[in-house]
Amino acid sequence: MDLEILKKKLSTYRNARDQVRNVPDELLLEVLSAWEHWTGSTPDFYRGIGVSHRGMGSMMGKAKRLRREGKVPVTDFKEITDAVLGGNSLTQGFTANSIELCWDQGKVIRFPQVEQLIDFLKKVA
């Protein structure tokens, strides 16, 4: 994302003392994503979005906590359809007997093999 666009988005959350406050979660995650893809120096990034190093530290801490807790926006999710898989999901390792796990908030996760389900459950436990 262009830093100018990010700077304009953040400027709407500036208070009278020129501090960035009450930034929504989605924007915090955008800032974190832009930071992860930034190849220049740290001070250049801070200047590019118009935030001090103290304010940036606070925002990064909140954004990393959000990502760690799994509060990633739903817009990042892309469903894999049969058309993407080449029209036949059986060729990609999914059999007619794949396992579906109904996760929280109506999310469905499909596992083509039992071993993958077991590995997943071990990691989330």
N, C-alpha and C. Protein backbone atom coordinates (compact mmCIF):
# COMPACT_ATOMS: atom_id res chain seq x y z
N MET A 1 0.85 -1.17 0.00
CA MET A 1 0.00 0.00 0.00
C MET A 1 0.89 1.23 0.00
N ASP A 2 0.47 2.23 -0.71
CA ASP A 2 1.19 3.49 -0.77
C ASP A 2 1.14 4.18 0.59
N LEU A 3 2.27 4.71 1.02
CA LEU A 3 2.33 5.34 2.34
C LEU A 3 1.49 6.60 2.42
N GLU A 4 1.32 7.29 1.30
CA GLU A 4 0.50 8.50 1.31
C GLU A 4 -0.96 8.18 1.62
N ILE A 5 -1.45 7.10 1.07
CA ILE A 5 -2.84 6.69 1.34
C ILE A 5 -2.98 6.30 2.80
N LEU A 6 -2.01 5.58 3.31
CA LEU A 6 -2.03 5.18 4.71
C LEU A 6 -1.95 6.40 5.63
N LYS A 7 -1.13 7.38 5.23
CA LYS A 7 -1.00 8.62 6.01
C LYS A 7 -2.33 9.37 6.05
N LYS A 8 -3.04 9.41 4.93
CA LYS A 8 -4.33 10.10 4.89
C LYS A 8 -5.37 9.37 5.74
N LYS A 9 -5.34 8.06 5.71
CA LYS A 9 -6.27 7.29 6.54
C LYS A 9 -6.01 7.55 8.02
N LEU A 10 -4.73 7.58 8.41
CA LEU A 10 -4.38 7.80 9.80
C LEU A 10 -4.68 9.24 10.24
N SER A 11 -4.60 10.18 9.30
CA SER A 11 -4.81 11.59 9.66
C SER A 11 -6.24 11.86 10.13
N THR A 12 -7.18 11.01 9.76
CA THR A 12 -8.56 11.20 10.21
C THR A 12 -8.72 10.87 11.69
N TYR A 13 -7.71 10.23 12.29
CA TYR A 13 -7.78 9.86 13.69
C TYR A 13 -6.85 10.70 14.56
N ARG A 14 -6.43 11.87 14.06
CA ARG A 14 -5.58 12.78 14.84
C ARG A 14 -6.44 13.65 15.73
N ASN A 15 -5.96 13.88 16.96
CA ASN A 15 -6.69 14.76 17.86
C ASN A 15 -6.09 16.16 17.81
N ALA A 16 -6.53 17.04 18.69
CA ALA A 16 -6.08 18.43 18.68
C ALA A 16 -4.59 18.55 19.00
N ARG A 17 -4.05 17.60 19.75
CA ARG A 17 -2.62 17.62 20.08
C ARG A 17 -1.77 16.89 19.04
N ASP A 18 -2.34 16.61 17.88
CA ASP A 18 -1.66 15.96 16.75
C ASP A 18 -1.22 14.53 17.08
N GLN A 19 -1.99 13.84 17.93
CA GLN A 19 -1.73 12.45 18.25
C GLN A 19 -2.75 11.57 17.54
N VAL A 20 -2.29 10.42 17.08
CA VAL A 20 -3.19 9.47 16.42
C VAL A 20 -3.83 8.62 17.51
N ARG A 21 -5.16 8.69 17.62
CA ARG A 21 -5.89 7.99 18.67
C ARG A 21 -7.09 7.23 18.09
N ASN A 22 -7.52 6.18 18.80
CA ASN A 22 -8.73 5.42 18.48
C ASN A 22 -8.75 4.89 17.04
N VAL A 23 -7.63 4.33 16.62
CA VAL A 23 -7.52 3.78 15.27
C VAL A 23 -8.25 2.44 15.25
N PRO A 24 -9.12 2.22 14.26
CA PRO A 24 -9.85 0.94 14.20
C PRO A 24 -8.91 -0.23 13.90
N ASP A 25 -9.37 -1.41 14.28
CA ASP A 25 -8.56 -2.62 14.13
C ASP A 25 -8.13 -2.87 12.69
N GLU A 26 -9.04 -2.64 11.75
CA GLU A 26 -8.71 -2.90 10.34
C GLU A 26 -7.55 -2.03 9.87
N LEU A 27 -7.54 -0.76 10.31
CA LEU A 27 -6.46 0.14 9.91
C LEU A 27 -5.16 -0.24 10.60
N LEU A 28 -5.23 -0.68 11.83
CA LEU A 28 -4.02 -1.14 12.52
C LEU A 28 -3.39 -2.32 11.77
N LEU A 29 -4.22 -3.22 11.30
CA LEU A 29 -3.70 -4.37 10.56
C LEU A 29 -3.14 -3.95 9.21
N GLU A 30 -3.71 -2.91 8.60
CA GLU A 30 -3.15 -2.38 7.35
C GLU A 30 -1.77 -1.78 7.59
N VAL A 31 -1.61 -1.06 8.70
CA VAL A 31 -0.32 -0.46 9.04
C VAL A 31 0.70 -1.57 9.27
N LEU A 32 0.31 -2.61 9.99
CA LEU A 32 1.22 -3.73 10.24
C LEU A 32 1.62 -4.42 8.93
N SER A 33 0.67 -4.60 8.05
CA SER A 33 0.97 -5.22 6.76
C SER A 33 1.93 -4.35 5.94
N ALA A 34 1.69 -3.05 5.94
CA ALA A 34 2.58 -2.13 5.21
C ALA A 34 3.98 -2.17 5.81
N TRP A 35 4.06 -2.23 7.13
CA TRP A 35 5.36 -2.30 7.80
C TRP A 35 6.10 -3.58 7.44
N GLU A 36 5.38 -4.69 7.38
CA GLU A 36 6.01 -5.97 7.06
C GLU A 36 6.54 -6.00 5.63
N HIS A 37 5.92 -5.24 4.73
CA HIS A 37 6.36 -5.21 3.34
C HIS A 37 7.33 -4.07 3.05
N TRP A 38 7.61 -3.22 4.04
CA TRP A 38 8.48 -2.07 3.86
C TRP A 38 9.93 -2.53 3.75
N THR A 39 10.64 -2.02 2.74
CA THR A 39 12.03 -2.43 2.54
C THR A 39 13.02 -1.33 2.91
N GLY A 40 12.52 -0.14 3.15
CA GLY A 40 13.40 0.98 3.50
C GLY A 40 13.73 1.01 4.98
N SER A 41 14.23 2.17 5.41
CA SER A 41 14.61 2.32 6.81
C SER A 41 13.39 2.61 7.67
N THR A 42 13.54 2.34 8.95
CA THR A 42 12.45 2.54 9.90
C THR A 42 12.03 4.01 10.00
N PRO A 43 12.99 4.95 10.16
CA PRO A 43 12.57 6.36 10.23
C PRO A 43 11.85 6.85 8.97
N ASP A 44 12.23 6.31 7.82
CA ASP A 44 11.55 6.69 6.57
C ASP A 44 10.10 6.22 6.58
N PHE A 45 9.86 5.06 7.13
CA PHE A 45 8.49 4.55 7.23
C PHE A 45 7.66 5.43 8.15
N TYR A 46 8.24 5.77 9.31
CA TYR A 46 7.53 6.62 10.27
C TYR A 46 7.20 7.98 9.66
N ARG A 47 8.17 8.57 8.97
CA ARG A 47 7.93 9.86 8.32
C ARG A 47 6.89 9.72 7.21
N GLY A 48 6.94 8.61 6.50
CA GLY A 48 6.01 8.38 5.39
C GLY A 48 4.56 8.35 5.82
N ILE A 49 4.29 7.82 6.99
CA ILE A 49 2.90 7.77 7.46
C ILE A 49 2.59 8.87 8.48
N GLY A 50 3.63 9.66 8.85
CA GLY A 50 3.41 10.80 9.72
C GLY A 50 3.14 10.46 11.17
N VAL A 51 3.83 9.44 11.69
CA VAL A 51 3.63 9.02 13.08
C VAL A 51 4.99 8.96 13.75
N SER A 52 5.05 9.34 15.03
CA SER A 52 6.31 9.27 15.78
C SER A 52 6.63 7.82 16.12
N HIS A 53 7.86 7.61 16.57
CA HIS A 53 8.26 6.24 16.91
C HIS A 53 7.50 5.74 18.13
N ARG A 54 7.11 6.62 19.03
CA ARG A 54 6.33 6.19 20.20
C ARG A 54 4.92 5.78 19.80
N GLY A 55 4.29 6.60 18.97
CA GLY A 55 2.95 6.28 18.50
C GLY A 55 2.94 5.02 17.64
N MET A 56 3.99 4.87 16.86
CA MET A 56 4.09 3.69 16.00
C MET A 56 4.26 2.43 16.84
N GLY A 57 5.03 2.51 17.90
CA GLY A 57 5.21 1.36 18.77
C GLY A 57 3.91 0.91 19.40
N SER A 58 3.11 1.88 19.80
CA SER A 58 1.81 1.56 20.39
C SER A 58 0.90 0.89 19.37
N MET A 59 0.86 1.46 18.16
CA MET A 59 0.00 0.88 17.12
C MET A 59 0.46 -0.51 16.72
N MET A 60 1.77 -0.71 16.60
CA MET A 60 2.29 -2.02 16.22
C MET A 60 1.98 -3.07 17.29
N GLY A 61 2.10 -2.68 18.54
CA GLY A 61 1.78 -3.61 19.63
C GLY A 61 0.33 -4.06 19.56
N LYS A 62 -0.57 -3.11 19.34
CA LYS A 62 -2.00 -3.45 19.24
C LYS A 62 -2.27 -4.32 18.02
N ALA A 63 -1.65 -3.97 16.89
CA ALA A 63 -1.88 -4.73 15.65
C ALA A 63 -1.35 -6.16 15.78
N LYS A 64 -0.19 -6.33 16.38
CA LYS A 64 0.37 -7.67 16.54
C LYS A 64 -0.49 -8.50 17.49
N ARG A 65 -1.02 -7.86 18.53
CA ARG A 65 -1.90 -8.57 19.45
C ARG A 65 -3.18 -9.01 18.73
N LEU A 66 -3.72 -8.14 17.88
CA LEU A 66 -4.92 -8.49 17.12
C LEU A 66 -4.66 -9.68 16.21
N ARG A 67 -3.53 -9.66 15.53
CA ARG A 67 -3.20 -10.77 14.63
C ARG A 67 -2.97 -12.06 15.41
N ARG A 68 -2.30 -11.95 16.55
CA ARG A 68 -2.03 -13.13 17.37
C ARG A 68 -3.33 -13.75 17.89
N GLU A 69 -4.30 -12.90 18.21
CA GLU A 69 -5.58 -13.38 18.73
C GLU A 69 -6.51 -13.83 17.60
N GLY A 70 -6.08 -13.69 16.36
CA GLY A 70 -6.87 -14.19 15.25
C GLY A 70 -7.96 -13.24 14.77
N LYS A 71 -7.86 -11.98 15.10
CA LYS A 71 -8.89 -11.02 14.69
C LYS A 71 -8.53 -10.37 13.36
N VAL A 72 -8.27 -11.21 12.39
CA VAL A 72 -7.93 -10.75 11.05
C VAL A 72 -9.23 -10.49 10.30
N PRO A 73 -9.32 -9.41 9.53
CA PRO A 73 -10.57 -9.14 8.83
C PRO A 73 -10.99 -10.26 7.89
N VAL A 74 -12.28 -10.43 7.75
CA VAL A 74 -12.83 -11.49 6.93
C VAL A 74 -12.52 -11.27 5.45
N THR A 75 -12.24 -10.04 5.04
CA THR A 75 -11.99 -9.75 3.64
C THR A 75 -10.74 -10.43 3.11
N ASP A 76 -9.82 -10.84 4.01
CA ASP A 76 -8.61 -11.52 3.57
C ASP A 76 -8.87 -12.97 3.17
N PHE A 77 -10.01 -13.51 3.55
CA PHE A 77 -10.33 -14.90 3.27
C PHE A 77 -10.74 -15.06 1.81
N LYS A 78 -10.17 -16.05 1.14
CA LYS A 78 -10.53 -16.35 -0.24
C LYS A 78 -10.89 -17.82 -0.32
N GLU A 79 -12.11 -18.09 -0.72
CA GLU A 79 -12.57 -19.46 -0.81
C GLU A 79 -11.98 -20.13 -2.04
N ILE A 80 -11.57 -21.37 -1.88
CA ILE A 80 -11.05 -22.15 -3.00
C ILE A 80 -12.22 -22.94 -3.56
N THR A 81 -12.54 -22.67 -4.80
CA THR A 81 -13.66 -23.34 -5.43
C THR A 81 -13.15 -24.42 -6.38
N ASP A 82 -14.08 -25.19 -6.91
CA ASP A 82 -13.70 -26.22 -7.88
C ASP A 82 -13.06 -25.62 -9.12
N ALA A 83 -13.50 -24.43 -9.51
CA ALA A 83 -12.93 -23.79 -10.69
C ALA A 83 -11.46 -23.46 -10.47
N VAL A 84 -11.11 -23.02 -9.26
CA VAL A 84 -9.72 -22.71 -8.95
C VAL A 84 -8.87 -23.97 -8.89
N LEU A 85 -9.46 -25.05 -8.43
CA LEU A 85 -8.74 -26.31 -8.31
C LEU A 85 -8.63 -27.07 -9.62
N GLY A 86 -9.13 -26.49 -10.67
CA GLY A 86 -9.05 -27.16 -11.96
C GLY A 86 -10.30 -27.95 -12.29
N GLY A 87 -11.38 -27.67 -11.61
CA GLY A 87 -12.64 -28.32 -11.92
C GLY A 87 -12.87 -29.64 -11.21
N ASN A 88 -11.83 -30.23 -10.66
CA ASN A 88 -11.98 -31.53 -10.01
C ASN A 88 -11.23 -31.50 -8.68
N SER A 89 -11.97 -31.40 -7.60
CA SER A 89 -11.34 -31.33 -6.30
C SER A 89 -10.70 -32.65 -5.90
N LEU A 90 -11.07 -33.74 -6.54
CA LEU A 90 -10.49 -35.04 -6.22
C LEU A 90 -9.02 -35.10 -6.62
N THR A 91 -8.63 -34.32 -7.63
CA THR A 91 -7.25 -34.34 -8.08
C THR A 91 -6.33 -33.61 -7.13
N GLN A 92 -6.87 -32.78 -6.23
CA GLN A 92 -6.04 -32.00 -5.33
C GLN A 92 -5.93 -32.65 -3.96
N GLY A 93 -6.25 -33.89 -3.80
CA GLY A 93 -6.10 -34.58 -2.54
C GLY A 93 -7.38 -34.71 -1.75
N PHE A 94 -8.43 -34.05 -2.18
CA PHE A 94 -9.71 -34.15 -1.49
C PHE A 94 -10.49 -35.32 -2.06
N THR A 95 -10.94 -36.15 -1.18
CA THR A 95 -11.76 -37.27 -1.62
C THR A 95 -13.20 -36.99 -1.26
N ALA A 96 -14.07 -37.84 -1.68
CA ALA A 96 -15.48 -37.67 -1.34
C ALA A 96 -15.70 -37.85 0.16
N ASN A 97 -14.73 -38.42 0.86
CA ASN A 97 -14.84 -38.67 2.29
C ASN A 97 -14.01 -37.70 3.11
N SER A 98 -13.82 -36.48 2.63
CA SER A 98 -13.03 -35.52 3.40
C SER A 98 -13.77 -35.13 4.68
N ILE A 99 -13.03 -34.67 5.65
CA ILE A 99 -13.58 -34.34 6.97
C ILE A 99 -13.85 -32.85 7.03
N GLU A 100 -15.04 -32.48 7.49
CA GLU A 100 -15.39 -31.08 7.66
C GLU A 100 -15.51 -30.79 9.15
N LEU A 101 -14.83 -29.73 9.58
CA LEU A 101 -14.87 -29.31 10.96
C LEU A 101 -15.57 -27.97 11.04
N CYS A 102 -16.67 -27.90 11.78
CA CYS A 102 -17.39 -26.64 11.95
C CYS A 102 -16.74 -25.89 13.10
N TRP A 103 -16.04 -24.81 12.78
CA TRP A 103 -15.32 -24.02 13.76
C TRP A 103 -16.21 -22.90 14.28
N ASP A 104 -15.69 -22.05 15.12
CA ASP A 104 -16.50 -20.99 15.71
C ASP A 104 -16.99 -20.00 14.65
N GLN A 105 -18.09 -19.37 14.92
CA GLN A 105 -18.74 -18.37 14.07
C GLN A 105 -19.07 -18.91 12.68
N GLY A 106 -19.39 -20.18 12.58
CA GLY A 106 -19.85 -20.77 11.33
C GLY A 106 -18.77 -21.06 10.31
N LYS A 107 -17.51 -20.99 10.68
CA LYS A 107 -16.42 -21.29 9.75
C LYS A 107 -16.29 -22.79 9.57
N VAL A 108 -16.11 -23.22 8.33
CA VAL A 108 -15.96 -24.64 8.04
C VAL A 108 -14.56 -24.87 7.50
N ILE A 109 -13.86 -25.84 8.08
CA ILE A 109 -12.52 -26.21 7.64
C ILE A 109 -12.59 -27.64 7.15
N ARG A 110 -12.09 -27.86 5.94
CA ARG A 110 -12.11 -29.20 5.36
C ARG A 110 -10.71 -29.80 5.37
N PHE A 111 -10.63 -31.06 5.75
CA PHE A 111 -9.37 -31.78 5.79
C PHE A 111 -9.49 -33.01 4.90
N PRO A 112 -8.57 -33.18 3.94
CA PRO A 112 -8.66 -34.33 3.04
C PRO A 112 -8.26 -35.64 3.71
N GLN A 113 -7.45 -35.56 4.77
CA GLN A 113 -6.99 -36.76 5.44
C GLN A 113 -7.10 -36.59 6.95
N VAL A 114 -7.27 -37.69 7.65
CA VAL A 114 -7.42 -37.68 9.10
C VAL A 114 -6.16 -37.15 9.78
N GLU A 115 -4.98 -37.47 9.24
CA GLU A 115 -3.73 -37.03 9.83
C GLU A 115 -3.64 -35.51 9.88
N GLN A 116 -4.13 -34.85 8.84
CA GLN A 116 -4.10 -33.39 8.81
C GLN A 116 -5.03 -32.80 9.87
N LEU A 117 -6.17 -33.42 10.08
CA LEU A 117 -7.09 -32.98 11.13
C LEU A 117 -6.44 -33.13 12.50
N ILE A 118 -5.80 -34.25 12.74
CA ILE A 118 -5.15 -34.49 14.02
C ILE A 118 -4.03 -33.50 14.26
N ASP A 119 -3.22 -33.22 13.24
CA ASP A 119 -2.16 -32.22 13.37
C ASP A 119 -2.73 -30.86 13.70
N PHE A 120 -3.82 -30.49 13.02
CA PHE A 120 -4.46 -29.20 13.27
C PHE A 120 -4.97 -29.11 14.70
N LEU A 121 -5.62 -30.14 15.17
CA LEU A 121 -6.16 -30.13 16.53
C LEU A 121 -5.05 -30.08 17.58
N LYS A 122 -3.92 -30.72 17.30
CA LYS A 122 -2.79 -30.65 18.23
C LYS A 122 -2.23 -29.23 18.32
N LYS A 123 -2.19 -28.55 17.19
CA LYS A 123 -1.62 -27.19 17.16
C LYS A 123 -2.52 -26.18 17.85
N VAL A 124 -3.83 -26.34 17.73
CA VAL A 124 -4.72 -25.36 18.35
C VAL A 124 -4.99 -25.66 19.81
N ALA A 125 -4.63 -26.84 20.28
CA ALA A 125 -4.90 -27.20 21.68
C ALA A 125 -3.88 -26.60 22.62
